[in-house]
C-alpha atoms as a PDB file:
ATOM      1  CA  MET A   1     -17.868  17.315  -6.092  1.00  0.00           C
ATOM      2  CA  GLU A   2     -21.256  16.699  -4.508  1.00  0.00           C
ATOM      3  CA  ARG A   3     -20.716  19.732  -2.255  1.00  0.00           C
ATOM      4  CA  LEU A   4     -20.642  21.936  -5.351  1.00  0.00           C
ATOM      5  CA  LEU A   5     -23.919  20.634  -6.769  1.00  0.00           C
ATOM      6  CA  PRO A   6     -26.237  22.886  -4.709  1.00  0.00           C
ATOM      7  CA  SER A   7     -24.467  25.989  -6.024  1.00  0.00           C
ATOM      8  CA  LEU A   8     -24.993  24.980  -9.677  1.00  0.00           C
ATOM      9  CA  PRO A   9     -28.049  25.738 -11.790  1.00  0.00           C
ATOM     10  CA  GLU A  10     -30.701  22.992 -11.894  1.00  0.00           C
ATOM     11  CA  ASP A  11     -29.965  21.867 -15.479  1.00  0.00           C
ATOM     12  CA  ALA A  12     -26.212  21.536 -14.762  1.00  0.00           C
ATOM     13  CA  ARG A  13     -26.984  19.696 -11.529  1.00  0.00           C
ATOM     14  CA  SER A  14     -29.220  17.173 -13.284  1.00  0.00           C
ATOM     15  CA  ALA A  15     -26.544  16.592 -15.945  1.00  0.00           C
ATOM     16  CA  LEU A  16     -23.671  16.156 -13.466  1.00  0.00           C
ATOM     17  CA  THR A  17     -25.401  13.906 -10.921  1.00  0.00           C
ATOM     18  CA  PRO A  18     -25.345  10.750 -13.110  1.00  0.00           C
ATOM     19  CA  LEU A  19     -21.725  11.453 -14.072  1.00  0.00           C
ATOM     20  CA  ILE A  20     -20.721  11.710 -10.420  1.00  0.00           C
ATOM     21  CA  ARG A  21     -22.503   8.439  -9.607  1.00  0.00           C
ATOM     22  CA  ASP A  22     -20.838   6.710 -12.563  1.00  0.00           C
ATOM     23  CA  GLY A  23     -17.430   7.994 -11.478  1.00  0.00           C
ATOM     24  CA  GLN A  24     -17.972   6.768  -7.925  1.00  0.00           C
ATOM     25  CA  GLU A  25     -19.090   3.351  -9.165  1.00  0.00           C
ATOM     26  CA  THR A  26     -16.056   3.141 -11.468  1.00  0.00           C
ATOM     27  CA  ALA A  27     -13.764   3.994  -8.546  1.00  0.00           C
ATOM     28  CA  ARG A  28     -15.398   1.298  -6.371  1.00  0.00           C
ATOM     29  CA  ILE A  29     -15.012  -1.303  -9.127  1.00  0.00           C
ATOM     30  CA  THR A  30     -11.369  -0.330  -9.668  1.00  0.00           C
ATOM     31  CA  VAL A  31     -10.551  -0.650  -5.969  1.00  0.00           C
ATOM     32  CA  ARG A  32     -12.380  -4.011  -5.739  1.00  0.00           C
ATOM     33  CA  THR A  33     -10.476  -5.279  -8.798  1.00  0.00           C
ATOM     34  CA  GLY A  34      -7.167  -4.277  -7.223  1.00  0.00           C
ATOM     35  CA  ILE A  35      -8.044  -6.039  -3.971  1.00  0.00           C
ATOM     36  CA  ASP A  36      -9.147  -9.193  -5.809  1.00  0.00           C
ATOM     37  CA  SER A  37      -5.988  -9.197  -7.947  1.00  0.00           C
ATOM     38  CA  THR A  38      -3.771  -8.857  -4.888  1.00  0.00           C
ATOM     39  CA  ASP A  39      -5.639 -11.679  -3.165  1.00  0.00           C
ATOM     40  CA  SER A  40      -5.224 -13.914  -6.225  1.00  0.00           C
ATOM     41  CA  VAL A  41      -1.492 -13.216  -6.440  1.00  0.00           C
ATOM     42  CA  GLY A  42      -1.075 -14.057  -2.760  1.00  0.00           C
ATOM     43  CA  ARG A  43      -2.905 -17.354  -3.197  1.00  0.00           C
ATOM     44  CA  LEU A  44      -0.835 -18.208  -6.271  1.00  0.00           C
ATOM     45  CA  MET A  45       2.414 -17.502  -4.426  1.00  0.00           C
ATOM     46  CA  ALA A  46       1.351 -19.711  -1.525  1.00  0.00           C
ATOM     47  CA  ALA A  47       0.329 -22.515  -3.890  1.00  0.00           C
ATOM     48  CA  SER A  48       3.588 -22.177  -5.805  1.00  0.00           C
ATOM     49  CA  ALA A  49       5.639 -22.399  -2.606  1.00  0.00           C
ATOM     50  CA  ALA A  50       3.677 -25.482  -1.505  1.00  0.00           C
ATOM     51  CA  ILE A  51       4.188 -27.186  -4.873  1.00  0.00           C
ATOM     52  CA  CYS A  52       7.927 -26.408  -4.846  1.00  0.00           C
ATOM     53  CA  ARG A  53       8.271 -27.764  -1.323  1.00  0.00           C
ATOM     54  CA  ARG A  54       6.464 -30.986  -2.208  1.00  0.00           C
ATOM     55  CA  ALA A  55       8.576 -31.426  -5.342  1.00  0.00           C
ATOM     56  CA  TRP A  56      11.751 -30.855  -3.346  1.00  0.00           C
ATOM     57  CA  LEU A  57      10.731 -33.247  -0.554  1.00  0.00           C
ATOM     58  CA  SER A  58       9.229 -36.033  -2.685  1.00  0.00           C
ATOM     59  CA  PRO A  59      12.531 -37.782  -3.547  1.00  0.00           C
ATOM     60  CA  SER A  60      13.827 -37.457   0.026  1.00  0.00           C
ATOM     61  CA  ASN A  61      13.945 -40.310   2.497  1.00  0.00           C
ATOM     62  CA  PHE A  62      12.499 -38.234   5.331  1.00  0.00           C
ATOM     63  CA  SER A  63       9.781 -39.803   7.425  1.00  0.00           C
ATOM     64  CA  ALA A  64       6.210 -38.512   7.136  1.00  0.00           C
ATOM     65  CA  PRO A  65       6.390 -36.446  10.372  1.00  0.00           C
ATOM     66  CA  VAL A  66       9.576 -34.713   9.206  1.00  0.00           C
ATOM     67  CA  ARG A  67       8.094 -34.006   5.778  1.00  0.00           C
ATOM     68  CA  ASN A  68       4.940 -32.605   7.367  1.00  0.00           C
ATOM     69  CA  ALA A  69       6.983 -30.427   9.719  1.00  0.00           C
ATOM     70  CA  LEU A  70       8.945 -29.029   6.780  1.00  0.00           C
ATOM     71  CA  LEU A  71       5.788 -28.486   4.716  1.00  0.00           C
ATOM     72  CA  ASP A  72       4.129 -26.604   7.585  1.00  0.00           C
ATOM     73  CA  MET A  73       6.926 -24.042   7.897  1.00  0.00           C
ATOM     74  CA  THR A  74       6.040 -20.505   6.936  1.00  0.00           C
ATOM     75  CA  PHE A  75       7.199 -19.139   3.599  1.00  0.00           C
ATOM     76  CA  ASP A  76       9.393 -16.083   4.122  1.00  0.00           C
ATOM     77  CA  GLY A  77       9.566 -15.097   0.459  1.00  0.00           C
ATOM     78  CA  LYS A  78      13.335 -15.598   0.257  1.00  0.00           C
ATOM     79  CA  SER A  79      13.849 -19.326   0.435  1.00  0.00           C
ATOM     80  CA  LEU A  80      11.830 -22.408  -0.334  1.00  0.00           C
ATOM     81  CA  LEU A  81      11.463 -23.646   3.213  1.00  0.00           C
ATOM     82  CA  GLY A  82      11.946 -20.492   5.226  1.00  0.00           C
ATOM     83  CA  VAL A  83      14.505 -19.653   7.854  1.00  0.00           C
ATOM     84  CA  HIS A  84      13.732 -22.559  10.163  1.00  0.00           C
ATOM     85  CA  ALA A  85      14.473 -25.334   7.649  1.00  0.00           C
ATOM     86  CA  ASP A  86      18.193 -25.562   8.418  1.00  0.00           C
ATOM     87  CA  SER A  87      17.640 -25.848  12.157  1.00  0.00           C
ATOM     88  CA  ALA A  88      14.837 -28.406  11.681  1.00  0.00           C
ATOM     89  CA  LEU A  89      17.008 -30.542   9.417  1.00  0.00           C
ATOM     90  CA  ARG A  90      19.955 -30.299  11.830  1.00  0.00           C
ATOM     91  CA  CYS A  91      17.730 -31.402  14.734  1.00  0.00           C
ATOM     92  CA  PHE A  92      16.441 -34.310  12.673  1.00  0.00           C
ATOM     93  CA  LEU A  93      19.923 -35.418  11.673  1.00  0.00           C
ATOM     94  CA  ASP A  94      21.220 -35.014  15.232  1.00  0.00           C
ATOM     95  CA  SER A  95      18.348 -37.036  16.664  1.00  0.00           C
ATOM     96  CA  HIS A  96      19.040 -39.896  14.251  1.00  0.00           C
ATOM     97  CA  GLY A  97      22.792 -39.728  14.727  1.00  0.00           C
ATOM     98  CA  SER A  98      25.343 -39.956  11.974  1.00  0.00           C
ATOM     99  CA  ASP A  99      26.398 -43.582  12.492  1.00  0.00           C
END
C-alpha cells in the first residue's frame, strides 16, 4: 500500500498515511496476541501434565528417585507419562525382583 502513496494526490496521501500506520499497528498487535496466547496454552498444558503426574504418583510406594525419574519424562501429548514410562517401570520392578 505504501508503494501506491507517491502516485496519489497530496490530500489523499495525507489521509491514507495514518490509516496505513494504524492498520500495521493493529496487525502487529494481533500477531503478538496470537503468539502470547499460544505460549500461555503451552505453559498450561505443561503445568496440567505435571499436576496429573504428581497426582497419579502421590499414592504410589515408589522411592523418591523413581518418582523423580517418572516426573522428568517428556510429555508426548498422548499419555500421562509418555512412551518411556512402561519401560522405566519394568526396569524398576525387575531391579527389585518379584519375590
